[in-house]
Amino acid sequence: MSEDLNQRIAEAQAKLDAQKQPSAIDSAKGMGVGFKMASDFIAAVIVGAGLGWGLDELFGWSPWGLIVCLLLGFITGVKNIVAAATEAARQTAENGSTGLRNMAPKSGQDKGDGA
């Protein structure tokens, strides 16, 4: 009797471990997407600031070149973040592979966990 109980406990533990594993992978993928968004935003702002500073030095427009190009870099960074988030949400809706949780699941696609 105790051997059967131990076997059932081991099987239940294996099932729990299998359920926990994908969430750790999803979390890592989500963190990767977040770091990509952050680096894209920072790169766009830095490029805009550098371009503006260069135009100021070249044409003597100081500080207008820096201000305008910095704002353009900020806008481009936000646009990149929105595009990446939209793509991640689309992939999540299709197959759930990006790590970002789908905030509004489609009706009829519940996992059916018995609750």
PDB file of N, CA and C in Angstrom:
ATOM      1  N   MET A   1       0.819  -1.191   0.000  1.00  0.00           N
ATOM      2  CA  MET A   1       0.000   0.000   0.000  1.00  0.00           C
ATOM      3  C   MET A   1       0.866   1.259   0.000  1.00  0.00           C
ATOM      4  N   SER A   2       1.911   1.288   0.830  1.00  0.00           N
ATOM      5  CA  SER A   2       2.748   2.485   0.892  1.00  0.00           C
ATOM      6  C   SER A   2       3.559   2.648  -0.396  1.00  0.00           C
ATOM      7  N   GLU A   3       3.901   1.534  -1.044  1.00  0.00           N
ATOM      8  CA  GLU A   3       4.618   1.605  -2.312  1.00  0.00           C
ATOM      9  C   GLU A   3       3.740   2.271  -3.373  1.00  0.00           C
ATOM     10  N   ASP A   4       2.480   1.922  -3.435  1.00  0.00           N
ATOM     11  CA  ASP A   4       1.531   2.521  -4.370  1.00  0.00           C
ATOM     12  C   ASP A   4       1.363   4.012  -4.076  1.00  0.00           C
ATOM     13  N   LEU A   5       1.280   4.348  -2.792  1.00  0.00           N
ATOM     14  CA  LEU A   5       1.149   5.747  -2.399  1.00  0.00           C
ATOM     15  C   LEU A   5       2.384   6.542  -2.808  1.00  0.00           C
ATOM     16  N   ASN A   6       3.571   5.975  -2.591  1.00  0.00           N
ATOM     17  CA  ASN A   6       4.812   6.660  -2.977  1.00  0.00           C
ATOM     18  C   ASN A   6       4.887   6.872  -4.483  1.00  0.00           C
ATOM     19  N   GLN A   7       4.430   5.879  -5.234  1.00  0.00           N
ATOM     20  CA  GLN A   7       4.436   6.007  -6.687  1.00  0.00           C
ATOM     21  C   GLN A   7       3.473   7.099  -7.131  1.00  0.00           C
ATOM     22  N   ARG A   8       2.299   7.171  -6.534  1.00  0.00           N
ATOM     23  CA  ARG A   8       1.330   8.197  -6.893  1.00  0.00           C
ATOM     24  C   ARG A   8       1.837   9.586  -6.507  1.00  0.00           C
ATOM     25  N   ILE A   9       2.499   9.691  -5.387  1.00  0.00           N
ATOM     26  CA  ILE A   9       3.074  10.982  -4.974  1.00  0.00           C
ATOM     27  C   ILE A   9       4.157  11.416  -5.961  1.00  0.00           C
ATOM     28  N   ALA A  10       4.989  10.476  -6.371  1.00  0.00           N
ATOM     29  CA  ALA A  10       6.061  10.792  -7.330  1.00  0.00           C
ATOM     30  C   ALA A  10       5.470  11.243  -8.662  1.00  0.00           C
ATOM     31  N   GLU A  11       4.422  10.591  -9.129  1.00  0.00           N
ATOM     32  CA  GLU A  11       3.781  10.986 -10.380  1.00  0.00           C
ATOM     33  C   GLU A  11       3.150  12.370 -10.263  1.00  0.00           C
ATOM     34  N   ALA A  12       2.496  12.634  -9.137  1.00  0.00           N
ATOM     35  CA  ALA A  12       1.889  13.948  -8.930  1.00  0.00           C
ATOM     36  C   ALA A  12       2.953  15.035  -8.873  1.00  0.00           C
ATOM     37  N   GLN A  13       4.081  14.743  -8.219  1.00  0.00           N
ATOM     38  CA  GLN A  13       5.172  15.719  -8.139  1.00  0.00           C
ATOM     39  C   GLN A  13       5.750  15.985  -9.522  1.00  0.00           C
ATOM     40  N   ALA A  14       5.877  14.941 -10.331  1.00  0.00           N
ATOM     41  CA  ALA A  14       6.391  15.116 -11.692  1.00  0.00           C
ATOM     42  C   ALA A  14       5.457  15.991 -12.523  1.00  0.00           C
ATOM     43  N   LYS A  15       4.159  15.809 -12.356  1.00  0.00           N
ATOM     44  CA  LYS A  15       3.199  16.647 -13.075  1.00  0.00           C
ATOM     45  C   LYS A  15       3.301  18.104 -12.635  1.00  0.00           C
ATOM     46  N   LEU A  16       3.455  18.326 -11.335  1.00  0.00           N
ATOM     47  CA  LEU A  16       3.593  19.703 -10.839  1.00  0.00           C
ATOM     48  C   LEU A  16       4.866  20.353 -11.369  1.00  0.00           C
ATOM     49  N   ASP A  17       5.950  19.594 -11.373  1.00  0.00           N
ATOM     50  CA  ASP A  17       7.207  20.130 -11.900  1.00  0.00           C
ATOM     51  C   ASP A  17       7.088  20.465 -13.378  1.00  0.00           C
ATOM     52  N   ALA A  18       6.379  19.621 -14.124  1.00  0.00           N
ATOM     53  CA  ALA A  18       6.191  19.878 -15.555  1.00  0.00           C
ATOM     54  C   ALA A  18       5.353  21.127 -15.789  1.00  0.00           C
ATOM     55  N   GLN A  19       4.399  21.412 -14.902  1.00  0.00           N
ATOM     56  CA  GLN A  19       3.571  22.605 -15.044  1.00  0.00           C
ATOM     57  C   GLN A  19       4.352  23.859 -14.682  1.00  0.00           C
ATOM     58  N   LYS A  20       5.274  23.776 -13.751  1.00  0.00           N
ATOM     59  CA  LYS A  20       6.047  24.943 -13.329  1.00  0.00           C
ATOM     60  C   LYS A  20       7.114  25.313 -14.346  1.00  0.00           C
ATOM     61  N   GLN A  21       7.658  24.365 -15.052  1.00  0.00           N
ATOM     62  CA  GLN A  21       8.747  24.613 -15.984  1.00  0.00           C
ATOM     63  C   GLN A  21       8.400  25.621 -17.077  1.00  0.00           C
ATOM     64  N   PRO A  22       7.281  25.490 -17.788  1.00  0.00           N
ATOM     65  CA  PRO A  22       6.989  26.473 -18.840  1.00  0.00           C
ATOM     66  C   PRO A  22       6.858  27.900 -18.318  1.00  0.00           C
ATOM     67  N   SER A  23       6.379  28.076 -17.095  1.00  0.00           N
ATOM     68  CA  SER A  23       6.239  29.438 -16.591  1.00  0.00           C
ATOM     69  C   SER A  23       7.604  30.094 -16.405  1.00  0.00           C
ATOM     70  N   ALA A  24       8.615  29.337 -16.014  1.00  0.00           N
ATOM     71  CA  ALA A  24       9.962  29.900 -15.881  1.00  0.00           C
ATOM     72  C   ALA A  24      10.518  30.273 -17.254  1.00  0.00           C
ATOM     73  N   ILE A  25      10.258  29.440 -18.247  1.00  0.00           N
ATOM     74  CA  ILE A  25      10.716  29.737 -19.600  1.00  0.00           C
ATOM     75  C   ILE A  25       9.987  30.965 -20.138  1.00  0.00           C
ATOM     76  N   ASP A  26       8.675  31.036 -19.911  1.00  0.00           N
ATOM     77  CA  ASP A  26       7.907  32.194 -20.356  1.00  0.00           C
ATOM     78  C   ASP A  26       8.402  33.470 -19.700  1.00  0.00           C
ATOM     79  N   SER A  27       8.752  33.371 -18.428  1.00  0.00           N
ATOM     80  CA  SER A  27       9.250  34.539 -17.710  1.00  0.00           C
ATOM     81  C   SER A  27      10.565  35.028 -18.323  1.00  0.00           C
ATOM     82  N   ALA A  28      11.442  34.109 -18.657  1.00  0.00           N
ATOM     83  CA  ALA A  28      12.721  34.482 -19.267  1.00  0.00           C
ATOM     84  C   ALA A  28      12.507  35.103 -20.641  1.00  0.00           C
ATOM     85  N   LYS A  29      11.575  34.548 -21.415  1.00  0.00           N
ATOM     86  CA  LYS A  29      11.297  35.120 -22.733  1.00  0.00           C
ATOM     87  C   LYS A  29      10.704  36.513 -22.601  1.00  0.00           C
ATOM     88  N   GLY A  30       9.819  36.690 -21.643  1.00  0.00           N
ATOM     89  CA  GLY A  30       9.227  38.003 -21.418  1.00  0.00           C
ATOM     90  C   GLY A  30      10.263  39.034 -21.001  1.00  0.00           C
ATOM     91  N   MET A  31      11.213  38.596 -20.167  1.00  0.00           N
ATOM     92  CA  MET A  31      12.269  39.506 -19.753  1.00  0.00           C
ATOM     93  C   MET A  31      13.153  39.883 -20.949  1.00  0.00           C
ATOM     94  N   GLY A  32      13.395  38.940 -21.835  1.00  0.00           N
ATOM     95  CA  GLY A  32      14.169  39.234 -23.039  1.00  0.00           C
ATOM     96  C   GLY A  32      13.480  40.250 -23.929  1.00  0.00           C
ATOM     97  N   VAL A  33      12.169  40.096 -24.074  1.00  0.00           N
ATOM     98  CA  VAL A  33      11.397  41.056 -24.867  1.00  0.00           C
ATOM     99  C   VAL A  33      11.459  42.435 -24.211  1.00  0.00           C
ATOM    100  N   GLY A  34      11.358  42.481 -22.905  1.00  0.00           N
ATOM    101  CA  GLY A  34      11.424  43.758 -22.189  1.00  0.00           C
ATOM    102  C   GLY A  34      12.770  44.440 -22.349  1.00  0.00           C
ATOM    103  N   PHE A  35      13.864  43.666 -22.243  1.00  0.00           N
ATOM    104  CA  PHE A  35      15.194  44.245 -22.438  1.00  0.00           C
ATOM    105  C   PHE A  35      15.379  44.742 -23.871  1.00  0.00           C
ATOM    106  N   LYS A  36      14.810  44.016 -24.848  1.00  0.00           N
ATOM    107  CA  LYS A  36      14.898  44.460 -26.236  1.00  0.00           C
ATOM    108  C   LYS A  36      14.168  45.788 -26.415  1.00  0.00           C
ATOM    109  N   MET A  37      12.987  45.912 -25.819  1.00  0.00           N
ATOM    110  CA  MET A  37      12.236  47.163 -25.918  1.00  0.00           C
ATOM    111  C   MET A  37      13.014  48.310 -25.286  1.00  0.00           C
ATOM    112  N   ALA A  38      13.575  48.074 -24.113  1.00  0.00           N
ATOM    113  CA  ALA A  38      14.323  49.129 -23.424  1.00  0.00           C
ATOM    114  C   ALA A  38      15.548  49.550 -24.219  1.00  0.00           C
ATOM    115  N   SER A  39      16.287  48.582 -24.755  1.00  0.00           N
ATOM    116  CA  SER A  39      17.492  48.941 -25.513  1.00  0.00           C
ATOM    117  C   SER A  39      17.136  49.658 -26.814  1.00  0.00           C
ATOM    118  N   ASP A  40      16.048  49.262 -27.459  1.00  0.00           N
ATOM    119  CA  ASP A  40      15.609  49.972 -28.669  1.00  0.00           C
ATOM    120  C   ASP A  40      15.258  51.422 -28.344  1.00  0.00           C
ATOM    121  N   PHE A  41      14.569  51.640 -27.236  1.00  0.00           N
ATOM    122  CA  PHE A  41      14.184  53.000 -26.852  1.00  0.00           C
ATOM    123  C   PHE A  41      15.417  53.846 -26.547  1.00  0.00           C
ATOM    124  N   ILE A  42      16.318  53.311 -25.739  1.00  0.00           N
ATOM    125  CA  ILE A  42      17.515  54.065 -25.351  1.00  0.00           C
ATOM    126  C   ILE A  42      18.381  54.368 -26.571  1.00  0.00           C
ATOM    127  N   ALA A  43      18.513  53.399 -27.476  1.00  0.00           N
ATOM    128  CA  ALA A  43      19.319  53.621 -28.683  1.00  0.00           C
ATOM    129  C   ALA A  43      18.718  54.732 -29.544  1.00  0.00           C
ATOM    130  N   ALA A  44      17.400  54.745 -29.684  1.00  0.00           N
ATOM    131  CA  ALA A  44      16.760  55.786 -30.502  1.00  0.00           C
ATOM    132  C   ALA A  44      16.984  57.171 -29.899  1.00  0.00           C
ATOM    133  N   VAL A  45      16.883  57.295 -28.593  1.00  0.00           N
ATOM    134  CA  VAL A  45      17.088  58.589 -27.936  1.00  0.00           C
ATOM    135  C   VAL A  45      18.547  59.033 -28.064  1.00  0.00           C
ATOM    136  N   ILE A  46      19.485  58.110 -27.869  1.00  0.00           N
ATOM    137  CA  ILE A  46      20.910  58.460 -27.971  1.00  0.00           C
ATOM    138  C   ILE A  46      21.271  58.861 -29.402  1.00  0.00           C
ATOM    139  N   VAL A  47      20.768  58.127 -30.377  1.00  0.00           N
ATOM    140  CA  VAL A  47      21.043  58.485 -31.780  1.00  0.00           C
ATOM    141  C   VAL A  47      20.446  59.853 -32.097  1.00  0.00           C
ATOM    142  N   GLY A  48      19.231  60.119 -31.634  1.00  0.00           N
ATOM    143  CA  GLY A  48      18.620  61.424 -31.863  1.00  0.00           C
ATOM    144  C   GLY A  48      19.426  62.550 -31.231  1.00  0.00           C
ATOM    145  N   ALA A  49      19.873  62.330 -29.998  1.00  0.00           N
ATOM    146  CA  ALA A  49      20.667  63.359 -29.318  1.00  0.00           C
ATOM    147  C   ALA A  49      22.004  63.577 -30.030  1.00  0.00           C
ATOM    148  N   GLY A  50      22.637  62.492 -30.444  1.00  0.00           N
ATOM    149  CA  GLY A  50      23.919  62.618 -31.147  1.00  0.00           C
ATOM    150  C   GLY A  50      23.779  63.315 -32.481  1.00  0.00           C
ATOM    151  N   LEU A  51      22.739  62.969 -33.202  1.00  0.00           N
ATOM    152  CA  LEU A  51      22.490  63.617 -34.485  1.00  0.00           C
ATOM    153  C   LEU A  51      22.197  65.105 -34.292  1.00  0.00           C
ATOM    154  N   GLY A  52      21.387  65.429 -33.303  1.00  0.00           N
ATOM    155  CA  GLY A  52      21.074  66.836 -33.032  1.00  0.00           C
ATOM    156  C   GLY A  52      22.298  67.626 -32.621  1.00  0.00           C
ATOM    157  N   TRP A  53      23.122  67.035 -31.770  1.00  0.00           N
ATOM    158  CA  TRP A  53      24.348  67.710 -31.329  1.00  0.00           C
ATOM    159  C   TRP A  53      25.270  67.933 -32.521  1.00  0.00           C
ATOM    160  N   GLY A  54      25.374  66.918 -33.381  1.00  0.00           N
ATOM    161  CA  GLY A  54      26.221  67.055 -34.574  1.00  0.00           C
ATOM    162  C   GLY A  54      25.724  68.151 -35.507  1.00  0.00           C
ATOM    163  N   LEU A  55      24.412  68.219 -35.709  1.00  0.00           N
ATOM    164  CA  LEU A  55      23.851  69.282 -36.552  1.00  0.00           C
ATOM    165  C   LEU A  55      24.075  70.657 -35.934  1.00  0.00           C
ATOM    166  N   ASP A  56      23.963  70.738 -34.614  1.00  0.00           N
ATOM    167  CA  ASP A  56      24.234  72.006 -33.932  1.00  0.00           C
ATOM    168  C   ASP A  56      25.674  72.450 -34.158  1.00  0.00           C
ATOM    169  N   GLU A  57      26.614  71.519 -34.029  1.00  0.00           N
ATOM    170  CA  GLU A  57      28.029  71.858 -34.209  1.00  0.00           C
ATOM    171  C   GLU A  57      28.333  72.210 -35.663  1.00  0.00           C
ATOM    172  N   LEU A  58      27.682  71.490 -36.577  1.00  0.00           N
ATOM    173  CA  LEU A  58      27.967  71.685 -37.994  1.00  0.00           C
ATOM    174  C   LEU A  58      27.386  72.989 -38.533  1.00  0.00           C
ATOM    175  N   PHE A  59      26.131  73.272 -38.159  1.00  0.00           N
ATOM    176  CA  PHE A  59      25.437  74.436 -38.719  1.00  0.00           C
ATOM    177  C   PHE A  59      25.265  75.587 -37.740  1.00  0.00           C
ATOM    178  N   GLY A  60      25.620  75.423 -36.484  1.00  0.00           N
ATOM    179  CA  GLY A  60      25.503  76.485 -35.500  1.00  0.00           C
ATOM    180  C   GLY A  60      24.068  76.794 -35.100  1.00  0.00           C
ATOM    181  N   TRP A  61      23.209  75.777 -35.072  1.00  0.00           N
ATOM    182  CA  TRP A  61      21.802  75.967 -34.743  1.00  0.00           C
ATOM    183  C   TRP A  61      21.534  75.868 -33.240  1.00  0.00           C
ATOM    184  N   SER A  62      22.526  75.749 -32.457  1.00  0.00           N
ATOM    185  CA  SER A  62      22.396  75.440 -31.033  1.00  0.00           C
ATOM    186  C   SER A  62      21.325  76.283 -30.360  1.00  0.00           C
ATOM    187  N   PRO A  63      20.443  75.727 -29.580  1.00  0.00           N
ATOM    188  CA  PRO A  63      20.235  74.328 -29.181  1.00  0.00           C
ATOM    189  C   PRO A  63      19.130  73.648 -29.976  1.00  0.00           C
ATOM    190  N   TRP A  64      18.676  74.265 -31.070  1.00  0.00           N
ATOM    191  CA  TRP A  64      17.480  73.766 -31.755  1.00  0.00           C
ATOM    192  C   TRP A  64      17.660  72.409 -32.414  1.00  0.00           C
ATOM    193  N   GLY A  65      18.801  72.151 -32.986  1.00  0.00           N
ATOM    194  CA  GLY A  65      19.041  70.845 -33.591  1.00  0.00           C
ATOM    195  C   GLY A  65      18.964  69.727 -32.560  1.00  0.00           C
ATOM    196  N   LEU A  66      19.580  69.973 -31.388  1.00  0.00           N
ATOM    197  CA  LEU A  66      19.547  68.979 -30.313  1.00  0.00           C
ATOM    198  C   LEU A  66      18.129  68.755 -29.812  1.00  0.00           C
ATOM    199  N   ILE A  67      17.391  69.824 -29.611  1.00  0.00           N
ATOM    200  CA  ILE A  67      16.025  69.703 -29.097  1.00  0.00           C
ATOM    201  C   ILE A  67      15.135  68.943 -30.080  1.00  0.00           C
ATOM    202  N   VAL A  68      15.180  69.332 -31.331  1.00  0.00           N
ATOM    203  CA  VAL A  68      14.306  68.698 -32.335  1.00  0.00           C
ATOM    204  C   VAL A  68      14.686  67.233 -32.532  1.00  0.00           C
ATOM    205  N   CYS A  69      15.969  66.942 -32.688  1.00  0.00           N
ATOM    206  CA  CYS A  69      16.378  65.557 -32.923  1.00  0.00           C
ATOM    207  C   CYS A  69      16.181  64.684 -31.682  1.00  0.00           C
ATOM    208  N   LEU A  70      16.330  65.254 -30.496  1.00  0.00           N
ATOM    209  CA  LEU A  70      16.069  64.496 -29.276  1.00  0.00           C
ATOM    210  C   LEU A  70      14.593  64.123 -29.190  1.00  0.00           C
ATOM    211  N   LEU A  71      13.723  65.052 -29.527  1.00  0.00           N
ATOM    212  CA  LEU A  71      12.289  64.743 -29.539  1.00  0.00           C
ATOM    213  C   LEU A  71      11.960  63.699 -30.614  1.00  0.00           C
ATOM    214  N   LEU A  72      12.573  63.819 -31.779  1.00  0.00           N
ATOM    215  CA  LEU A  72      12.354  62.816 -32.824  1.00  0.00           C
ATOM    216  C   LEU A  72      12.857  61.438 -32.388  1.00  0.00           C
ATOM    217  N   GLY A  73      13.980  61.397 -31.685  1.00  0.00           N
ATOM    218  CA  GLY A  73      14.495  60.134 -31.161  1.00  0.00           C
ATOM    219  C   GLY A  73      13.562  59.537 -30.124  1.00  0.00           C
ATOM    220  N   PHE A  74      12.994  60.385 -29.262  1.00  0.00           N
ATOM    221  CA  PHE A  74      12.037  59.911 -28.266  1.00  0.00           C
ATOM    222  C   PHE A  74      10.788  59.335 -28.946  1.00  0.00           C
ATOM    223  N   ILE A  75      10.276  60.055 -29.933  1.00  0.00           N
ATOM    224  CA  ILE A  75       9.089  59.581 -30.653  1.00  0.00           C
ATOM    225  C   ILE A  75       9.380  58.259 -31.355  1.00  0.00           C
ATOM    226  N   THR A  76      10.545  58.150 -31.972  1.00  0.00           N
ATOM    227  CA  THR A  76      10.925  56.913 -32.649  1.00  0.00           C
ATOM    228  C   THR A  76      11.060  55.768 -31.649  1.00  0.00           C
ATOM    229  N   GLY A  77      11.629  56.044 -30.475  1.00  0.00           N
ATOM    230  CA  GLY A  77      11.749  55.013 -29.436  1.00  0.00           C
ATOM    231  C   GLY A  77      10.402  54.513 -28.967  1.00  0.00           C
ATOM    232  N   VAL A  78       9.466  55.424 -28.761  1.00  0.00           N
ATOM    233  CA  VAL A  78       8.114  55.023 -28.351  1.00  0.00           C
ATOM    234  C   VAL A  78       7.454  54.199 -29.450  1.00  0.00           C
ATOM    235  N   LYS A  79       7.637  54.620 -30.699  1.00  0.00           N
ATOM    236  CA  LYS A  79       7.074  53.875 -31.832  1.00  0.00           C
ATOM    237  C   LYS A  79       7.642  52.458 -31.882  1.00  0.00           C
ATOM    238  N   ASN A  80       8.952  52.320 -31.639  1.00  0.00           N
ATOM    239  CA  ASN A  80       9.573  50.988 -31.627  1.00  0.00           C
ATOM    240  C   ASN A  80       9.012  50.118 -30.502  1.00  0.00           C
ATOM    241  N   ILE A  81       8.785  50.702 -29.331  1.00  0.00           N
ATOM    242  CA  ILE A  81       8.234  49.945 -28.205  1.00  0.00           C
ATOM    243  C   ILE A  81       6.820  49.471 -28.520  1.00  0.00           C
ATOM    244  N   VAL A  82       6.010  50.351 -29.084  1.00  0.00           N
ATOM    245  CA  VAL A  82       4.635  49.979 -29.430  1.00  0.00           C
ATOM    246  C   VAL A  82       4.641  48.870 -30.472  1.00  0.00           C
ATOM    247  N   ALA A  83       5.520  48.965 -31.467  1.00  0.00           N
ATOM    248  CA  ALA A  83       5.591  47.927 -32.502  1.00  0.00           C
ATOM    249  C   ALA A  83       6.033  46.587 -31.911  1.00  0.00           C
ATOM    250  N   ALA A  84       7.019  46.605 -31.025  1.00  0.00           N
ATOM    251  CA  ALA A  84       7.488  45.358 -30.408  1.00  0.00           C
ATOM    252  C   ALA A  84       6.423  44.755 -29.500  1.00  0.00           C
ATOM    253  N   ALA A  85       5.719  45.588 -28.747  1.00  0.00           N
ATOM    254  CA  ALA A  85       4.657  45.086 -27.871  1.00  0.00           C
ATOM    255  C   ALA A  85       3.498  44.526 -28.679  1.00  0.00           C
ATOM    256  N   THR A  86       3.174  45.166 -29.786  1.00  0.00           N
ATOM    257  CA  THR A  86       2.108  44.671 -30.653  1.00  0.00           C
ATOM    258  C   THR A  86       2.479  43.313 -31.241  1.00  0.00           C
ATOM    259  N   GLU A  87       3.719  43.185 -31.686  1.00  0.00           N
ATOM    260  CA  GLU A  87       4.181  41.913 -32.242  1.00  0.00           C
ATOM    261  C   GLU A  87       4.193  40.811 -31.175  1.00  0.00           C
ATOM    262  N   ALA A  88       4.637  41.146 -29.975  1.00  0.00           N
ATOM    263  CA  ALA A  88       4.654  40.155 -28.894  1.00  0.00           C
ATOM    264  C   ALA A  88       3.239  39.725 -28.528  1.00  0.00           C
ATOM    265  N   ALA A  89       2.306  40.661 -28.515  1.00  0.00           N
ATOM    266  CA  ALA A  89       0.917  40.320 -28.213  1.00  0.00           C
ATOM    267  C   ALA A  89       0.306  39.468 -29.313  1.00  0.00           C
ATOM    268  N   ARG A  90       0.678  39.760 -30.560  1.00  0.00           N
ATOM    269  CA  ARG A  90       0.172  38.948 -31.677  1.00  0.00           C
ATOM    270  C   ARG A  90       0.695  37.523 -31.575  1.00  0.00           C
ATOM    271  N   GLN A  91       1.980  37.361 -31.269  1.00  0.00           N
ATOM    272  CA  GLN A  91       2.553  36.026 -31.133  1.00  0.00           C
ATOM    273  C   GLN A  91       1.939  35.281 -29.955  1.00  0.00           C
ATOM    274  N   THR A  92       1.674  35.993 -28.870  1.00  0.00           N
ATOM    275  CA  THR A  92       1.055  35.366 -27.714  1.00  0.00           C
ATOM    276  C   THR A  92      -0.347  34.892 -28.050  1.00  0.00           C
ATOM    277  N   ALA A  93      -1.082  35.690 -28.797  1.00  0.00           N
ATOM    278  CA  ALA A  93      -2.440  35.295 -29.172  1.00  0.00           C
ATOM    279  C   ALA A  93      -2.421  34.088 -30.099  1.00  0.00           C
ATOM    280  N   GLU A  94      -1.400  33.997 -30.943  1.00  0.00           N
ATOM    281  CA  GLU A  94      -1.321  32.879 -31.881  1.00  0.00           C
ATOM    282  C   GLU A  94      -0.895  31.584 -31.206  1.00  0.00           C
ATOM    283  N   ASN A  95       0.200  31.641 -30.431  1.00  0.00           N
ATOM    284  CA  ASN A  95       0.714  30.388 -29.891  1.00  0.00           C
ATOM    285  C   ASN A  95       1.263  30.492 -28.471  1.00  0.00           C
ATOM    286  N   GLY A  96       1.191  31.644 -27.864  1.00  0.00           N
ATOM    287  CA  GLY A  96       1.638  31.798 -26.477  1.00  0.00           C
ATOM    288  C   GLY A  96       3.123  31.599 -26.288  1.00  0.00           C
ATOM    289  N   SER A  97       3.949  31.992 -27.255  1.00  0.00           N
ATOM    290  CA  SER A  97       5.367  31.656 -27.186  1.00  0.00           C
ATOM    291  C   SER A  97       6.283  32.811 -26.796  1.00  0.00           C
ATOM    292  N   THR A  98       5.791  33.994 -26.500  1.00  0.00           N
ATOM    293  CA  THR A  98       6.705  35.106 -26.245  1.00  0.00           C
ATOM    294  C   THR A  98       6.968  35.360 -24.777  1.00  0.00           C
ATOM    295  N   GLY A  99       6.152  34.849 -23.888  1.00  0.00           N
ATOM    296  CA  GLY A  99       6.351  35.106 -22.479  1.00  0.00           C
ATOM    297  C   GLY A  99       5.494  36.233 -21.959  1.00  0.00           C
ATOM    298  N   LEU A 100       4.938  37.039 -22.842  1.00  0.00           N
ATOM    299  CA  LEU A 100       4.036  38.082 -22.392  1.00  0.00           C
ATOM    300  C   LEU A 100       2.641  37.502 -22.275  1.00  0.00           C
ATOM    301  N   ARG A 101       1.976  37.814 -21.214  1.00  0.00           N
ATOM    302  CA  ARG A 101       0.643  37.263 -20.996  1.00  0.00           C
ATOM    303  C   ARG A 101      -0.373  38.021 -21.841  1.00  0.00           C
ATOM    304  N   ASN A 102      -1.302  37.279 -22.406  1.00  0.00           N
ATOM    305  CA  ASN A 102      -2.374  37.884 -23.189  1.00  0.00           C
ATOM    306  C   ASN A 102      -3.372  38.483 -22.215  1.00  0.00           C
ATOM    307  N   MET A 103      -3.525  39.782 -22.235  1.00  0.00           N
ATOM    308  CA  MET A 103      -4.350  40.468 -21.240  1.00  0.00           C
ATOM    309  C   MET A 103      -5.837  40.184 -21.428  1.00  0.00           C
ATOM    310  N   ALA A 104      -6.270  39.953 -22.644  1.00  0.00           N
ATOM    311  CA  ALA A 104      -7.685  39.689 -22.899  1.00  0.00           C
ATOM    312  C   ALA A 104      -7.806  38.412 -23.723  1.00  0.00           C
ATOM    313  N   PRO A 105      -7.872  37.251 -23.073  1.00  0.00           N
ATOM    314  CA  PRO A 105      -7.947  36.013 -23.846  1.00  0.00           C
ATOM    315  C   PRO A 105      -9.240  35.937 -24.631  1.00  0.00           C
ATOM    316  N   LYS A 106      -9.159  35.313 -25.789  1.00  0.00           N
ATOM    317  CA  LYS A 106     -10.341  35.142 -26.624  1.00  0.00           C
ATOM    318  C   LYS A 106     -11.298  34.197 -25.930  1.00  0.00           C
ATOM    319  N   SER A 107     -12.593  34.450 -26.076  1.00  0.00           N
ATOM    320  CA  SER A 107     -13.570  33.592 -25.441  1.00  0.00           C
ATOM    321  C   SER A 107     -13.546  32.214 -26.068  1.00  0.00           C
ATOM    322  N   GLY A 108     -13.755  31.200 -25.230  1.00  0.00           N
ATOM    323  CA  GLY A 108     -13.773  29.842 -25.700  1.00  0.00           C
ATOM    324  C   GLY A 108     -12.415  29.184 -25.734  1.00  0.00           C
ATOM    325  N   GLN A 109     -11.353  29.908 -25.318  1.00  0.00           N
ATOM    326  CA  GLN A 109     -10.020  29.327 -25.323  1.00  0.00           C
ATOM    327  C   GLN A 109      -9.497  29.121 -23.911  1.00  0.00           C
ATOM    328  N   ASP A 110     -10.376  28.962 -22.948  1.00  0.00           N
ATOM    329  CA  ASP A 110      -9.944  28.705 -21.580  1.00  0.00           C
ATOM    330  C   ASP A 110      -9.276  27.351 -21.522  1.00  0.00           C
ATOM    331  N   LYS A 111      -8.372  27.195 -20.561  1.00  0.00           N
ATOM    332  CA  LYS A 111      -7.622  25.956 -20.434  1.00  0.00           C
ATOM    333  C   LYS A 111      -8.499  24.808 -19.928  1.00  0.00           C
ATOM    334  N   GLY A 112      -9.619  25.138 -19.296  1.00  0.00           N
ATOM    335  CA  GLY A 112     -10.502  24.085 -18.801  1.00  0.00           C
ATOM    336  C   GLY A 112      -9.904  23.328 -17.649  1.00  0.00           C
ATOM    337  N   ASP A 113      -9.397  24.062 -16.631  1.00  0.00           N
ATOM    338  CA  ASP A 113      -8.747  23.419 -15.507  1.00  0.00           C
ATOM    339  C   ASP A 113      -9.737  22.913 -14.459  1.00  0.00           C
ATOM    340  N   GLY A 114     -11.018  22.874 -14.777  1.00  0.00           N
ATOM    341  CA  GLY A 114     -11.989  22.276 -13.877  1.00  0.00           C
ATOM    342  C   GLY A 114     -12.591  23.248 -12.880  1.00  0.00           C
ATOM    343  N   ALA A 115     -12.169  24.491 -12.893  1.00  0.00           N
ATOM    344  CA  ALA A 115     -12.686  25.466 -11.920  1.00  0.00           C
ATOM    345  C   ALA A 115     -13.977  26.066 -12.384  1.00  0.00           C
TER     346      ALA A 115
END
